[in-house]
Amino acid sequence: MGIFAKLFKKNTEGASSKNVEDFVSLTRVYFQSVIAANLGITNIRFVPDVANFKRLFKIPTQGGRLGQAEKTASRKMLMQDYGLSEGFFKEIDASVKKHCRTQNDVQAYLFMYQGFSQDLMMLMGNLMQWKFRVPSFFKGALRSMTEKTVHDICTKTVWKKDDVHKTAMAVRQYKERLGYSEQWMTEYVYNVVLLAKKEPKSKATEEK
């Protein structure tokens, strides 16, 4: 099945299928759509996630510009299905505009964002271990815990473990270079955590 198979099924059959993979994939579509629209990219192979999204949801190209309609559609889905704020998208727009001025800048930017996202989620998983077991219906508490941990990552200068210290410093550097706020980081991480908690555990995990 394709990346957006479950989302596509939801749209056509009305079945709920929100999961981490769909959220992360839709976020990538938004990033790539902004890049395509800003730089006037015409080769759809340059933005593979947009190509998949466009094909599955049959989105026509708006005004002859690749990325414009896809940006609007992915943004609408992310807001409706995951409750993301206007500010979340404004920060992506500003970051992409600042760092992707030519097509040569794109790969370096996306590579930097990938490192930021991976290090951030790895660090949050390390620091919030037991807190992830908080039941999903305590959304307010989970959001507050996520916000506090993100704030610690962005401000705390001394950590007990060397690996945690190094990763926290790396995340902070990524944050400053990419231009994302603590609020953006909290919103992204909170959605991933909430969705991960809803996904069924594998048989191996259940047997443990």
Foldseek 3Di string as FASTA:
>chain_A
DDQCVQVLCCVVPVDDDDFLSNLVLLVLQLLLLLLQQQAQDDPCVLRVSVVVVCVSVVFDDPPSGGSPRSNVVSVVCCCVVPVDDPVLSVLSNVLCVVQPPDSVRPVVLVVLVVLLVVLLLVLCCVVCVVVLPPDLVVLVVNLVVLLVVLVCLQDPQDDPDPVSNVSSVSNNVSCVNSVDDSVSSSSSNSSNSSRVSPDDDDPVVVVD
